[in-house]
Amino acid sequence: MASELDPERLRALEKRLHAAKGKPKPESTQMAKGFSQGEVAYRMVIELSTGILAGVGIGYGLDVLFGTLPVFLAIFSMVGFAAGVKTMLGTARQIQEKTAAQAADRERG
């Protein structure tokens, strides 16, 4: 089947393997703690939409309870949007701080 192994080719292969193992690994393009940019963006969209939906739900519930349909719905929709944006900005700040800390750690050692 296979012919006799060539020792010269084996040594060349070992040299190439050794050289490949010695190369530094490329830096990852991930954000903080293994989250990719897409995962972080998806998280932010979920946070925003959850805030809006919670505000709409609370506003609609209060409107049905008190019989004032558009008033509380409009108010709590805006409050939910503001809460979602605040949560998104907090997440962005947290990820930025983690990324900066990781960069500082890489520079030190």
C-alpha atoms as a PDB file:
ATOM      1  CA  MET A   1       0.000   0.000   0.000  1.00  0.00           C
ATOM      2  CA  ALA A   2       2.132   2.831   1.223  1.00  0.00           C
ATOM      3  CA  SER A   3       5.780   2.889   0.422  1.00  0.00           C
ATOM      4  CA  GLU A   4       8.538   3.201   3.005  1.00  0.00           C
ATOM      5  CA  LEU A   5       8.460   6.467   4.965  1.00  0.00           C
ATOM      6  CA  ASP A   6      11.058   8.973   3.909  1.00  0.00           C
ATOM      7  CA  PRO A   7      12.986  10.187   6.992  1.00  0.00           C
ATOM      8  CA  GLU A   8      13.905  13.450   5.291  1.00  0.00           C
ATOM      9  CA  ARG A   9      10.258  14.294   4.616  1.00  0.00           C
ATOM     10  CA  LEU A  10       9.389  13.415   8.214  1.00  0.00           C
ATOM     11  CA  ARG A  11      12.049  15.780   9.545  1.00  0.00           C
ATOM     12  CA  ALA A  12      10.799  18.562   7.260  1.00  0.00           C
ATOM     13  CA  LEU A  13       7.278  17.936   8.511  1.00  0.00           C
ATOM     14  CA  GLU A  14       8.455  18.064  12.127  1.00  0.00           C
ATOM     15  CA  LYS A  15      10.205  21.394  11.462  1.00  0.00           C
ATOM     16  CA  ARG A  16       7.058  22.854   9.914  1.00  0.00           C
ATOM     17  CA  LEU A  17       4.939  21.624  12.829  1.00  0.00           C
ATOM     18  CA  HIS A  18       7.378  23.056  15.358  1.00  0.00           C
ATOM     19  CA  ALA A  19       7.415  26.402  13.532  1.00  0.00           C
ATOM     20  CA  ALA A  20       3.613  26.481  13.404  1.00  0.00           C
ATOM     21  CA  LYS A  21       3.305  25.744  17.120  1.00  0.00           C
ATOM     22  CA  GLY A  22       5.746  28.528  17.959  1.00  0.00           C
ATOM     23  CA  LYS A  23       3.710  31.225  16.238  1.00  0.00           C
ATOM     24  CA  PRO A  24       1.578  33.434  18.494  1.00  0.00           C
ATOM     25  CA  LYS A  25      -2.155  32.925  18.280  1.00  0.00           C
ATOM     26  CA  PRO A  26      -4.081  35.644  16.469  1.00  0.00           C
ATOM     27  CA  GLU A  27      -6.051  38.020  18.686  1.00  0.00           C
ATOM     28  CA  SER A  28      -9.712  37.241  18.891  1.00  0.00           C
ATOM     29  CA  THR A  29     -12.254  39.747  17.620  1.00  0.00           C
ATOM     30  CA  GLN A  30     -14.645  39.097  20.448  1.00  0.00           C
ATOM     31  CA  MET A  31     -15.902  41.686  22.896  1.00  0.00           C
ATOM     32  CA  ALA A  32     -15.888  40.811  26.588  1.00  0.00           C
ATOM     33  CA  LYS A  33     -15.903  37.344  28.125  1.00  0.00           C
ATOM     34  CA  GLY A  34     -16.459  35.485  24.871  1.00  0.00           C
ATOM     35  CA  PHE A  35     -19.346  37.554  23.532  1.00  0.00           C
ATOM     36  CA  SER A  36     -19.141  38.342  19.842  1.00  0.00           C
ATOM     37  CA  GLN A  37     -20.326  41.676  18.488  1.00  0.00           C
ATOM     38  CA  GLY A  38     -23.470  40.059  17.106  1.00  0.00           C
ATOM     39  CA  GLU A  39     -24.358  38.567  20.473  1.00  0.00           C
ATOM     40  CA  VAL A  40     -23.884  41.917  22.187  1.00  0.00           C
ATOM     41  CA  ALA A  41     -26.043  43.668  19.594  1.00  0.00           C
ATOM     42  CA  TYR A  42     -28.751  41.025  19.977  1.00  0.00           C
ATOM     43  CA  ARG A  43     -28.637  41.466  23.753  1.00  0.00           C
ATOM     44  CA  MET A  44     -29.108  45.215  23.395  1.00  0.00           C
ATOM     45  CA  VAL A  45     -32.060  44.798  21.036  1.00  0.00           C
ATOM     46  CA  ILE A  46     -33.670  42.385  23.498  1.00  0.00           C
ATOM     47  CA  GLU A  47     -33.131  44.839  26.364  1.00  0.00           C
ATOM     48  CA  LEU A  48     -34.712  47.693  24.420  1.00  0.00           C
ATOM     49  CA  SER A  49     -37.699  45.694  23.212  1.00  0.00           C
ATOM     50  CA  THR A  50     -38.271  44.229  26.685  1.00  0.00           C
ATOM     51  CA  GLY A  51     -38.392  47.714  28.191  1.00  0.00           C
ATOM     52  CA  ILE A  52     -40.869  48.887  25.575  1.00  0.00           C
ATOM     53  CA  LEU A  53     -43.078  45.803  25.928  1.00  0.00           C
ATOM     54  CA  ALA A  54     -43.073  46.054  29.722  1.00  0.00           C
ATOM     55  CA  GLY A  55     -44.083  49.721  29.507  1.00  0.00           C
ATOM     56  CA  VAL A  56     -46.849  48.985  27.002  1.00  0.00           C
ATOM     57  CA  GLY A  57     -48.127  46.113  29.132  1.00  0.00           C
ATOM     58  CA  ILE A  58     -48.215  48.153  32.321  1.00  0.00           C
ATOM     59  CA  GLY A  59     -49.795  51.141  30.547  1.00  0.00           C
ATOM     60  CA  TYR A  60     -52.449  49.039  28.872  1.00  0.00           C
ATOM     61  CA  GLY A  61     -53.229  47.259  32.122  1.00  0.00           C
ATOM     62  CA  LEU A  62     -53.687  50.543  33.970  1.00  0.00           C
ATOM     63  CA  ASP A  63     -55.827  51.934  31.146  1.00  0.00           C
ATOM     64  CA  VAL A  64     -58.112  48.907  31.231  1.00  0.00           C
ATOM     65  CA  LEU A  65     -58.285  49.105  35.016  1.00  0.00           C
ATOM     66  CA  PHE A  66     -59.153  52.816  35.120  1.00  0.00           C
ATOM     67  CA  GLY A  67     -60.963  53.062  31.762  1.00  0.00           C
ATOM     68  CA  THR A  68     -58.650  55.720  30.320  1.00  0.00           C
ATOM     69  CA  LEU A  69     -57.354  53.809  27.300  1.00  0.00           C
ATOM     70  CA  PRO A  70     -54.767  56.017  25.562  1.00  0.00           C
ATOM     71  CA  VAL A  71     -53.391  57.969  28.546  1.00  0.00           C
ATOM     72  CA  PHE A  72     -51.371  55.451  30.570  1.00  0.00           C
ATOM     73  CA  LEU A  73     -50.495  53.462  27.453  1.00  0.00           C
ATOM     74  CA  ALA A  74     -48.736  56.459  25.907  1.00  0.00           C
ATOM     75  CA  ILE A  75     -47.029  57.487  29.149  1.00  0.00           C
ATOM     76  CA  PHE A  76     -45.741  54.048  30.063  1.00  0.00           C
ATOM     77  CA  SER A  77     -44.691  53.314  26.478  1.00  0.00           C
ATOM     78  CA  MET A  78     -42.334  56.291  26.664  1.00  0.00           C
ATOM     79  CA  VAL A  79     -41.180  55.287  30.153  1.00  0.00           C
ATOM     80  CA  GLY A  80     -40.493  51.743  28.909  1.00  0.00           C
ATOM     81  CA  PHE A  81     -38.532  53.105  25.952  1.00  0.00           C
ATOM     82  CA  ALA A  82     -36.451  55.294  28.277  1.00  0.00           C
ATOM     83  CA  ALA A  83     -35.806  52.349  30.598  1.00  0.00           C
ATOM     84  CA  GLY A  84     -34.748  50.172  27.644  1.00  0.00           C
ATOM     85  CA  VAL A  85     -32.355  52.826  26.347  1.00  0.00           C
ATOM     86  CA  LYS A  86     -30.887  53.299  29.834  1.00  0.00           C
ATOM     87  CA  THR A  87     -30.330  49.555  30.156  1.00  0.00           C
ATOM     88  CA  MET A  88     -28.720  49.406  26.697  1.00  0.00           C
ATOM     89  CA  LEU A  89     -26.344  52.240  27.557  1.00  0.00           C
ATOM     90  CA  GLY A  90     -25.419  50.517  30.811  1.00  0.00           C
ATOM     91  CA  THR A  91     -24.630  47.336  28.923  1.00  0.00           C
ATOM     92  CA  ALA A  92     -22.531  49.247  26.386  1.00  0.00           C
ATOM     93  CA  ARG A  93     -20.609  50.982  29.184  1.00  0.00           C
ATOM     94  CA  GLN A  94     -20.032  47.661  30.978  1.00  0.00           C
ATOM     95  CA  ILE A  95     -18.714  45.983  27.826  1.00  0.00           C
ATOM     96  CA  GLN A  96     -16.500  48.979  27.044  1.00  0.00           C
ATOM     97  CA  GLU A  97     -14.977  48.843  30.536  1.00  0.00           C
ATOM     98  CA  LYS A  98     -14.300  45.105  30.240  1.00  0.00           C
ATOM     99  CA  THR A  99     -12.723  45.555  26.820  1.00  0.00           C
ATOM    100  CA  ALA A 100     -10.510  48.396  28.113  1.00  0.00           C
ATOM    101  CA  ALA A 101      -9.456  46.282  31.106  1.00  0.00           C
ATOM    102  CA  GLN A 102      -8.571  43.374  28.824  1.00  0.00           C
ATOM    103  CA  ALA A 103      -6.536  45.677  26.573  1.00  0.00           C
ATOM    104  CA  ALA A 104      -4.685  47.080  29.593  1.00  0.00           C
ATOM    105  CA  ASP A 105      -3.928  43.553  30.812  1.00  0.00           C
ATOM    106  CA  ARG A 106      -2.553  42.618  27.383  1.00  0.00           C
ATOM    107  CA  GLU A 107      -0.307  45.697  27.356  1.00  0.00           C
ATOM    108  CA  ARG A 108       1.096  44.943  30.809  1.00  0.00           C
ATOM    109  CA  GLY A 109       1.988  41.388  30.155  1.00  0.00           C
END
